């Protein structure tokens, strides 16, 4: 069955005796969660709004904050799924239409995507997903006349999913074309496909532990990674309720994010600046390793979180709110770590909205910001000291190209190539120039759900004059 895109049905005339309230269907269990999911999906896709801000439990979207905790969790699951499989879902919806939806029918598309995500990937009865989507469509003037189309399309998607979903997953790449093309240009077709495949799988949670990884792996129900951290595939409750949190025995930090701080080597007794430091995972590593750390960030709100983290961990750190481009410390540092702001395309497994809110123009703009920050950070290192530049982008324009341009223009610095024993467990991620490059396709373990790590780039330099 193919549903015609123009076959919208008029809303039914209310029966006599029915409630006179404007939207009596609003009481349908779960409807408000689906409406919120569609509203937030529109904000991500149409307005390029980051999902983290929309679903923040203190400052998020008002419609999201009005929900109970259980419905908030459902909204997050629907959105993550709808974004993670966006092109596959679009293909399956499109296959049930005789012609594409009109370009301006974005509200209708979001209703369909929210419902199809539940039908295809979430443990929700198909009938519930379809019926709530129909109610949702009827309740919105922009989509009311298409409620019949919504019903027909979604019932067909549900009826055929066992056969059509595997084929759609095999033939669609769930990323914008520009992103997939840049991955292929940087890594080759095979590696790019492996990265995109990992982006479909929810990321595990990694912990950096203060001591005894094996003990904490047992307590947290995880495994010890080759890099010495602990990985847990699914969290049972809130992080703050887990054993060891209150005592500051560990902090959440992806395995890849833990590597740049280790690239500075033995920092005991050294003065180290952690620039763009919040929320403080690398700061904690450096302070825990015995460095005298100055943590610098321009954001007061992010520094509040860093300060809270340091207090929980019992670490003494000098915290500075400042713009790096104008900050003037009293003296130079033995080492500097600059984890620069970037497109965050290395974190798509955790933040599937990233590729739908960014563009090639954003990458080029951010690369320029990184180049300026790197040039400024280089002035803060004493002669003979080390500088590590890193970020969580997969794009060489924000990594390898930034370092190459800096070295071409900066006679006072040279590469300080990584050696395998500088990053035990991550030796395979050192490239031919001695830089670090991780991708989500790295750490291929027994199960895809416990494999992979964030995409990261990091290079180590030494000031020679």
Protein backbone atom coordinates (compact mmCIF):
# COMPACT_ATOMS: atom_id res chain seq x y z
CA UNK A 1 0.00 0.00 0.00
CA UNK A 2 1.26 3.46 -0.92
CA UNK A 3 -0.33 6.46 0.77
CA UNK A 4 -0.84 9.58 -1.29
CA UNK A 5 0.76 12.69 0.15
CA UNK A 6 -2.31 14.73 -0.70
CA UNK A 7 -4.81 12.35 0.92
CA UNK A 8 -5.37 14.31 4.11
CA UNK A 9 -8.59 13.72 5.95
CA UNK A 10 -10.53 16.51 7.63
CA UNK A 11 -10.74 16.28 11.39
CA UNK A 12 -13.85 14.50 12.57
CA UNK A 13 -16.72 16.67 13.83
CA UNK A 14 -16.96 16.35 17.63
CA UNK A 15 -19.89 14.26 18.90
CA UNK A 16 -22.59 15.92 20.93
CA UNK A 17 -22.00 15.55 24.60
CA UNK A 18 -18.24 15.47 24.16
CA UNK A 19 -16.09 17.59 26.47
CA UNK A 20 -16.11 21.26 25.48
CA UNK A 21 -12.43 21.69 26.35
CA UNK A 22 -10.29 22.81 23.42
CA UNK A 23 -8.07 19.72 23.35
CA UNK A 24 -9.62 16.85 25.31
CA UNK A 25 -7.15 14.42 23.69
CA UNK A 26 -4.36 16.10 25.66
CA UNK A 27 -5.22 13.73 28.50
CA UNK A 28 -4.17 10.72 26.40
CA UNK A 29 -1.24 9.10 28.24
CA UNK A 30 2.03 9.84 26.51
CA UNK A 31 0.67 12.42 24.05
CA UNK A 32 2.41 15.38 25.64
CA UNK A 33 5.73 13.51 25.52
CA UNK A 34 5.30 12.89 21.78
CA UNK A 35 4.33 16.50 21.15
CA UNK A 36 7.40 17.63 23.05
CA UNK A 37 9.63 15.25 21.12
CA UNK A 38 8.35 16.63 17.82
CA UNK A 39 8.74 20.21 19.03
CA UNK A 40 12.33 19.61 20.08
CA UNK A 41 13.13 17.67 16.91
CA UNK A 42 11.95 20.72 14.97
CA UNK A 43 14.24 22.94 17.03
CA UNK A 44 17.23 20.72 16.23
CA UNK A 45 16.54 20.18 12.53
CA UNK A 46 14.93 23.49 11.55
CA UNK A 47 16.66 25.91 13.94
CA UNK A 48 19.97 24.06 14.46
CA UNK A 49 19.51 24.20 18.24
CA UNK A 50 21.78 21.86 20.28
CA UNK A 51 19.83 19.11 21.99
CA UNK A 52 21.69 19.31 25.30
CA UNK A 53 20.32 22.77 25.99
CA UNK A 54 16.78 21.80 25.04
CA UNK A 55 16.79 18.82 27.42
CA UNK A 56 18.69 20.40 30.30
CA UNK A 57 16.79 19.57 33.48
CA UNK A 58 17.15 23.08 34.87
CA UNK A 59 17.20 25.41 31.88
CA UNK A 60 15.72 23.30 29.10
CA UNK A 61 12.76 23.96 26.83
CA UNK A 62 9.62 24.84 28.88
CA UNK A 63 7.59 22.09 27.22
CA UNK A 64 10.25 19.56 28.23
CA UNK A 65 10.50 20.87 31.79
CA UNK A 66 6.73 20.52 32.20
CA UNK A 67 7.00 16.74 31.85
CA UNK A 68 7.45 14.18 34.60
CA UNK A 69 10.85 12.49 34.86
CA UNK A 70 9.62 9.32 33.14
CA UNK A 71 8.28 11.25 30.15
CA UNK A 72 11.47 13.30 29.92
CA UNK A 73 13.43 10.07 29.62
CA UNK A 74 11.06 8.91 26.88
CA UNK A 75 11.52 12.20 25.00
CA UNK A 76 15.30 11.85 25.18
CA UNK A 77 15.11 8.27 23.90
CA UNK A 78 12.84 9.22 21.01
CA UNK A 79 15.00 12.17 19.99
CA UNK A 80 18.27 10.27 20.18
CA UNK A 81 16.78 7.50 18.06
CA UNK A 82 15.15 9.82 15.53
CA UNK A 83 18.44 11.65 15.03
CA UNK A 84 20.66 8.57 15.10
CA UNK A 85 18.64 6.90 12.33
CA UNK A 86 17.30 10.00 10.61
CA UNK A 87 17.97 9.04 6.98
CA UNK A 88 16.84 5.44 7.44
CA UNK A 89 13.57 6.63 8.98
CA UNK A 90 13.07 9.16 6.19
CA UNK A 91 13.62 6.47 3.56
CA UNK A 92 11.06 4.13 5.11
CA UNK A 93 8.49 6.90 5.46
CA UNK A 94 9.15 8.00 1.88
CA UNK A 95 8.71 4.47 0.58
CA UNK A 96 5.09 4.53 1.78
CA UNK A 97 4.24 7.74 -0.09
CA UNK A 98 3.50 8.12 -3.77
CA UNK A 99 5.39 11.41 -3.81
CA UNK A 100 7.58 13.29 -1.29
CA UNK A 101 6.02 15.48 1.34
CA UNK A 102 5.95 19.18 0.40
CA UNK A 103 9.11 21.05 1.39
CA UNK A 104 7.14 23.22 3.80
CA UNK A 105 5.47 20.27 5.55
CA UNK A 106 8.13 20.17 8.26
CA UNK A 107 5.67 19.84 11.16
CA UNK A 108 4.12 16.78 9.49
CA UNK A 109 7.56 15.28 8.86
CA UNK A 110 8.50 15.65 12.52
CA UNK A 111 5.29 13.95 13.67
CA UNK A 112 6.04 11.03 11.34
CA UNK A 113 9.70 10.78 12.40
CA UNK A 114 8.86 10.75 16.11
CA UNK A 115 6.34 7.95 15.64
CA UNK A 116 8.47 5.94 13.21
CA UNK A 117 11.44 6.06 15.59
CA UNK A 118 9.27 4.35 18.21
CA UNK A 119 7.86 1.79 15.78
CA UNK A 120 11.20 0.83 14.27
CA UNK A 121 13.64 1.01 17.16
CA UNK A 122 12.02 1.46 20.58
CA UNK A 123 10.19 -1.01 22.80
CA UNK A 124 6.81 0.70 22.39
CA UNK A 125 3.68 -1.01 20.96
CA UNK A 126 3.16 -0.04 17.33
CA UNK A 127 -0.51 0.71 17.97
CA UNK A 128 0.34 3.21 20.70
CA UNK A 129 2.88 5.00 18.51
CA UNK A 130 0.42 5.21 15.60
CA UNK A 131 -2.61 6.27 17.62
CA UNK A 132 -0.73 8.99 19.50
CA UNK A 133 0.74 10.31 16.25
CA UNK A 134 -2.77 10.56 14.76
CA UNK A 135 -4.02 12.45 17.82
CA UNK A 136 -0.98 14.71 17.59
CA UNK A 137 -1.63 15.41 13.92
CA UNK A 138 -5.30 16.21 14.54
CA UNK A 139 -4.40 18.62 17.32
CA UNK A 140 -2.10 20.80 15.18
CA UNK A 141 -3.72 23.08 12.57
CA UNK A 142 -0.71 22.58 10.32
CA UNK A 143 -1.18 18.82 10.20
CA UNK A 144 -4.84 18.18 11.04
CA UNK A 145 -5.92 17.50 7.45
CA UNK A 146 -3.12 14.93 7.11
CA UNK A 147 -4.18 12.75 10.07
CA UNK A 148 -5.39 10.06 7.66
CA UNK A 149 -2.04 10.07 5.89
CA UNK A 150 -0.24 9.78 9.22
CA UNK A 151 -2.36 6.78 10.13
CA UNK A 152 -1.84 5.05 6.79
CA UNK A 153 1.88 5.67 6.48
CA UNK A 154 2.72 4.59 10.00
CA UNK A 155 0.60 1.45 9.86
CA UNK A 156 2.39 0.46 6.67
CA UNK A 157 5.80 1.21 8.23
CA UNK A 158 4.87 -1.00 11.19
CA UNK A 159 3.45 -3.81 9.04
CA UNK A 160 6.51 -4.05 6.80
CA UNK A 161 9.32 -3.23 9.25
CA UNK A 162 10.62 -6.78 9.67
CA UNK A 163 11.46 -6.94 5.96
CA UNK A 164 12.12 -3.31 5.11
CA UNK A 165 14.20 -2.16 8.07
CA UNK A 166 17.27 -4.39 7.49
CA UNK A 167 17.40 -3.36 3.83
CA UNK A 168 17.01 0.32 4.71
CA UNK A 169 19.80 0.13 7.28
CA UNK A 170 22.07 -1.50 4.72
CA UNK A 171 21.44 1.05 1.99
CA UNK A 172 21.22 4.34 3.92
CA UNK A 173 23.91 6.34 5.68
CA UNK A 174 22.48 8.08 8.72
CA UNK A 175 24.33 11.36 8.35
CA UNK A 176 24.10 14.48 6.20
CA UNK A 177 25.79 14.02 2.84
CA UNK A 178 28.39 16.71 3.57
CA UNK A 179 29.51 14.91 6.72
CA UNK A 180 29.75 11.48 5.12
CA UNK A 181 31.70 12.94 2.21
CA UNK A 182 34.21 14.66 4.51
CA UNK A 183 34.68 11.42 6.46
CA UNK A 184 35.44 9.54 3.24
CA UNK A 185 37.88 12.21 2.11
CA UNK A 186 39.72 12.04 5.44
CA UNK A 187 39.66 8.31 6.25
CA UNK A 188 38.68 6.43 3.10
CA UNK A 189 35.39 4.72 2.28
CA UNK A 190 35.87 1.66 4.49
CA UNK A 191 36.85 3.56 7.63
CA UNK A 192 34.15 6.16 7.04
CA UNK A 193 31.53 3.39 6.83
CA UNK A 194 32.82 1.89 10.08
CA UNK A 195 32.58 5.27 11.83
CA UNK A 196 29.03 5.85 10.57
CA UNK A 197 28.04 2.35 11.69
CA UNK A 198 29.27 3.09 15.22
CA UNK A 199 27.29 6.34 15.27
CA UNK A 200 24.12 4.24 15.20
CA UNK A 201 25.05 2.56 18.49
CA UNK A 202 24.59 4.37 21.78
CA UNK A 203 27.93 5.04 23.44
CA UNK A 204 28.91 3.34 26.69
CA UNK A 205 29.95 5.39 29.72
CA UNK A 206 33.62 5.63 30.63
CA UNK A 207 35.10 6.50 34.01
CA UNK A 208 38.55 7.73 34.91
CA UNK A 209 39.37 6.18 38.30
CA UNK A 210 41.81 7.46 40.90
CA UNK A 211 43.15 3.97 41.65
CA UNK A 212 42.55 0.22 41.20
CA UNK A 213 40.56 0.06 37.92
CA UNK A 214 39.78 -3.64 38.37
CA UNK A 215 38.13 -3.04 41.75
CA UNK A 216 36.02 -0.23 40.35
CA UNK A 217 35.11 -2.23 37.26
CA UNK A 218 33.64 -4.86 39.58
CA UNK A 219 31.83 -2.30 41.74
CA UNK A 220 30.41 -0.39 38.78
CA UNK A 221 29.57 -3.47 36.73
CA UNK A 222 31.95 -2.71 33.88
CA UNK A 223 35.23 -3.67 32.26
CA UNK A 224 38.76 -2.29 32.41
CA UNK A 225 39.80 -0.63 29.16
CA UNK A 226 43.28 -0.96 27.65
CA UNK A 227 43.89 2.67 28.59
CA UNK A 228 43.18 1.97 32.28
CA UNK A 229 39.71 3.45 32.57
CA UNK A 230 36.48 1.64 33.37
CA UNK A 231 33.65 1.21 30.86
CA UNK A 232 29.99 0.52 31.67
CA UNK A 233 27.50 -0.28 28.90
CA UNK A 234 24.40 0.99 30.70
CA UNK A 235 23.89 3.00 33.85
CA UNK A 236 21.51 1.76 36.53
CA UNK A 237 20.18 5.04 37.89
CA UNK A 238 21.80 8.43 38.26
CA UNK A 239 25.58 8.82 38.16
CA UNK A 240 25.48 10.65 41.50
CA UNK A 241 23.95 7.58 43.15
CA UNK A 242 26.68 5.19 42.01
CA UNK A 243 29.26 3.84 44.45
CA UNK A 244 32.36 6.02 44.66
CA UNK A 245 30.78 9.20 43.35
CA UNK A 246 30.41 11.02 46.66
CA UNK A 247 33.91 9.98 47.74
CA UNK A 248 35.44 11.34 44.52
CA UNK A 249 36.86 7.96 43.52
CA UNK A 250 36.19 8.56 39.79
CA UNK A 251 34.69 10.90 37.25
CA UNK A 252 32.93 10.39 33.94
CA UNK A 253 35.33 10.88 31.02
CA UNK A 254 35.49 9.17 27.64
CA UNK A 255 38.61 7.08 27.12
CA UNK A 256 39.73 9.30 24.24
CA UNK A 257 39.25 12.48 26.29
CA UNK A 258 41.58 11.07 28.95
CA UNK A 259 44.54 10.81 26.54
CA UNK A 260 45.61 14.45 25.92
CA UNK A 261 46.45 15.13 29.57
CA UNK A 262 48.59 11.97 29.65
CA UNK A 263 50.54 13.30 26.67
CA UNK A 264 52.16 15.92 28.91
CA UNK A 265 54.07 13.12 30.65
CA UNK A 266 55.14 13.28 34.29
CA UNK A 267 53.69 16.56 35.59
CA UNK A 268 54.54 16.15 39.27
CA UNK A 269 55.59 19.50 40.66
CA UNK A 270 55.05 21.32 37.37
CA UNK A 271 52.95 24.44 36.79
CA UNK A 272 50.37 23.46 34.21
CA UNK A 273 47.65 25.55 32.58
CA UNK A 274 44.48 23.77 31.43
CA UNK A 275 42.87 26.15 28.94
CA UNK A 276 39.17 25.95 27.99
CA UNK A 277 39.13 23.69 31.01
CA UNK A 278 35.48 23.18 31.99
CA UNK A 279 33.93 20.82 32.95
CA UNK A 280 37.26 19.66 34.34
CA UNK A 281 38.03 16.06 33.46
CA UNK A 282 41.52 16.91 32.23
CA UNK A 283 42.01 19.35 35.09
CA UNK A 284 41.30 16.51 37.51
CA UNK A 285 43.76 14.25 35.74
CA UNK A 286 46.55 16.82 35.92
CA UNK A 287 45.89 17.79 39.55
CA UNK A 288 45.58 14.14 40.53
CA UNK A 289 48.96 13.47 38.91
CA UNK A 290 50.62 16.07 41.12
CA UNK A 291 50.66 19.19 38.96
CA UNK A 292 49.96 22.69 40.20
CA UNK A 293 47.04 23.41 37.86
CA UNK A 294 45.54 26.68 36.72
CA UNK A 295 42.18 25.98 35.06
CA UNK A 296 41.03 28.73 32.71
CA UNK A 297 37.66 29.13 31.02
CA UNK A 298 35.63 32.06 29.75
CA UNK A 299 32.27 30.68 30.94
CA UNK A 300 31.25 31.41 34.52
CA UNK A 301 28.51 28.76 34.47
CA UNK A 302 30.86 26.08 33.17
CA UNK A 303 33.44 27.03 35.79
CA UNK A 304 30.83 26.58 38.52
CA UNK A 305 30.51 23.00 37.39
CA UNK A 306 34.29 22.60 37.30
CA UNK A 307 34.56 24.01 40.82
CA UNK A 308 31.91 21.58 42.07
CA UNK A 309 33.75 18.69 40.45
CA UNK A 310 37.06 19.66 42.04
CA UNK A 311 35.42 19.96 45.45
CA UNK A 312 33.87 16.50 45.13
CA UNK A 313 37.21 15.06 44.03
CA UNK A 314 39.11 16.86 46.80
CA UNK A 315 41.53 18.50 44.35
CA UNK A 316 43.11 21.91 44.88
CA UNK A 317 43.07 23.89 41.63
CA UNK A 318 43.50 27.57 40.80
CA UNK A 319 40.37 28.48 38.83
CA UNK A 320 40.41 31.54 36.55
CA UNK A 321 37.49 33.02 34.66
CA UNK A 322 39.06 34.77 31.70
CA UNK A 323 39.14 35.13 27.94
CA UNK A 324 42.27 33.29 26.83
CA UNK A 325 42.92 35.86 24.10
CA UNK A 326 43.40 38.62 26.66
CA UNK A 327 44.47 36.71 29.80
CA UNK A 328 47.90 37.67 31.14
CA UNK A 329 49.24 35.23 33.76
CA UNK A 330 51.97 36.41 36.11
CA UNK A 331 54.50 33.92 34.72
CA UNK A 332 54.90 31.29 32.02
CA UNK A 333 53.93 27.65 32.54
CA UNK A 334 55.97 24.47 32.38
CA UNK A 335 53.19 22.91 30.29
CA UNK A 336 49.93 23.98 28.70
CA UNK A 337 46.97 21.89 27.59
CA UNK A 338 44.56 23.53 25.15
CA UNK A 339 41.44 21.48 24.52
CA UNK A 340 39.96 23.88 22.00
CA UNK A 341 36.29 24.44 21.18
CA UNK A 342 35.34 22.57 18.01
CA UNK A 343 32.49 21.10 15.98
CA UNK A 344 32.34 18.10 18.37
CA UNK A 345 31.85 15.69 15.47
CA UNK A 346 33.87 13.12 17.41
CA UNK A 347 31.04 12.85 19.95
CA UNK A 348 28.15 11.97 17.63
CA UNK A 349 27.55 8.66 19.41
CA UNK A 350 26.76 10.63 22.56
CA UNK A 351 25.27 13.66 20.84
CA UNK A 352 23.53 12.56 17.62
CA UNK A 353 22.24 16.08 17.01
CA UNK A 354 25.75 17.38 16.29
CA UNK A 355 25.88 16.55 12.59
CA UNK A 356 22.37 17.94 12.08
CA UNK A 357 23.17 21.28 13.72
CA UNK A 358 26.60 21.86 12.16
CA UNK A 359 27.77 22.61 8.61
CA UNK A 360 31.05 22.72 6.66
CA UNK A 361 31.03 26.47 7.22
CA UNK A 362 30.94 25.90 10.99
CA UNK A 363 33.98 23.64 10.73
CA UNK A 364 35.98 26.21 8.79
CA UNK A 365 34.98 28.97 11.21
CA UNK A 366 35.90 26.88 14.26
CA UNK A 367 39.24 25.92 12.71
CA UNK A 368 40.03 29.62 12.54
CA UNK A 369 39.11 30.04 16.21
CA UNK A 370 41.36 27.12 17.13
CA UNK A 371 44.28 28.58 15.20
CA UNK A 372 43.97 31.86 17.09
CA UNK A 373 43.67 30.13 20.46
CA UNK A 374 46.67 27.92 19.71
CA UNK A 375 48.82 30.91 18.79
CA UNK A 376 47.82 32.59 22.03
CA UNK A 377 48.36 29.46 24.16
CA UNK A 378 51.84 29.09 22.67
CA UNK A 379 52.86 32.37 24.28
CA UNK A 380 52.11 30.99 27.75
CA UNK A 381 54.70 28.16 27.69
CA UNK A 382 58.22 28.64 28.99
CA UNK A 383 61.12 27.76 26.66
CA UNK A 384 61.62 24.00 26.83
CA UNK A 385 58.06 23.44 27.99
CA UNK A 386 55.36 21.35 26.35
CA UNK A 387 52.11 22.36 24.65
CA UNK A 388 49.35 19.86 23.87
CA UNK A 389 46.57 20.90 21.49
CA UNK A 390 43.45 18.73 21.30
CA UNK A 391 39.79 18.67 20.41
CA UNK A 392 36.94 16.21 19.82
CA UNK A 393 36.48 16.77 16.09
CA UNK A 394 36.85 14.07 13.45
CA UNK A 395 37.65 16.63 10.76
CA UNK A 396 41.33 17.15 9.86
CA UNK A 397 40.57 20.83 9.19
CA UNK A 398 40.20 21.21 12.97
CA UNK A 399 43.16 19.01 13.85
CA UNK A 400 46.02 18.04 11.59
CA UNK A 401 45.63 21.14 9.41
CA UNK A 402 45.65 23.50 12.40
CA UNK A 403 48.91 22.04 13.71
CA UNK A 404 50.57 22.01 10.28
CA UNK A 405 49.72 25.67 9.74
CA UNK A 406 50.91 26.64 13.22
CA UNK A 407 54.27 24.93 12.81
CA UNK A 408 54.75 26.48 9.39
CA UNK A 409 54.36 29.93 10.93
CA UNK A 410 55.95 29.43 14.38
CA UNK A 411 59.72 29.07 14.40
CA UNK A 412 59.70 28.82 18.20
CA UNK A 413 58.00 25.41 18.27
CA UNK A 414 58.70 21.91 17.03
CA UNK A 415 56.83 18.64 17.09
CA UNK A 416 57.31 16.47 20.16
CA UNK A 417 56.12 13.19 18.64
CA UNK A 418 54.32 10.65 20.79
CA UNK A 419 55.97 7.34 21.51
CA UNK A 420 53.94 4.19 22.23
CA UNK A 421 54.76 4.24 25.95
CA UNK A 422 53.43 7.81 26.24
CA UNK A 423 49.85 6.55 25.92
CA UNK A 424 49.75 2.88 27.00
CA UNK A 425 46.72 1.14 25.58
CA UNK A 426 46.31 3.73 22.83
CA UNK A 427 49.45 3.01 20.83
CA UNK A 428 47.42 2.15 17.73
CA UNK A 429 46.05 5.68 17.59
CA UNK A 430 49.45 7.36 17.02
CA UNK A 431 49.83 8.46 13.41
CA UNK A 432 53.00 8.71 11.33
CA UNK A 433 53.68 12.25 12.61
CA UNK A 434 53.45 11.22 16.24
CA UNK A 435 50.01 12.79 16.68
CA UNK A 436 47.02 11.14 18.31
CA UNK A 437 43.93 10.42 16.21
CA UNK A 438 41.04 8.35 17.57
CA UNK A 439 37.71 7.54 15.90
CA UNK A 440 34.51 5.83 17.06
CA UNK A 441 35.65 2.77 15.11
CA UNK A 442 38.65 2.30 17.41
CA UNK A 443 38.75 -0.13 20.36
CA UNK A 444 37.06 -2.99 18.54
CA UNK A 445 36.08 -5.22 21.45
CA UNK A 446 33.86 -8.30 21.64
CA UNK A 447 30.55 -6.41 21.41
CA UNK A 448 29.86 -3.20 19.44
CA UNK A 449 28.03 -1.83 22.46
CA UNK A 450 31.26 -1.79 24.49
CA UNK A 451 33.51 -0.91 21.56
CA UNK A 452 34.66 2.42 20.17
CA UNK A 453 35.58 5.74 21.71
CA UNK A 454 35.09 9.40 20.90
CA UNK A 455 36.83 10.90 17.93
CA UNK A 456 39.77 12.98 19.17
CA UNK A 457 42.82 14.70 17.77
CA UNK A 458 45.82 15.73 19.85
CA UNK A 459 49.36 16.86 19.05
CA UNK A 460 52.29 17.52 21.37
CA UNK A 461 54.70 20.37 20.73
CA UNK A 462 57.78 21.73 22.48
CA UNK A 463 58.80 25.35 22.75
CA UNK A 464 62.39 25.73 21.62
CA UNK A 465 62.78 29.51 21.85
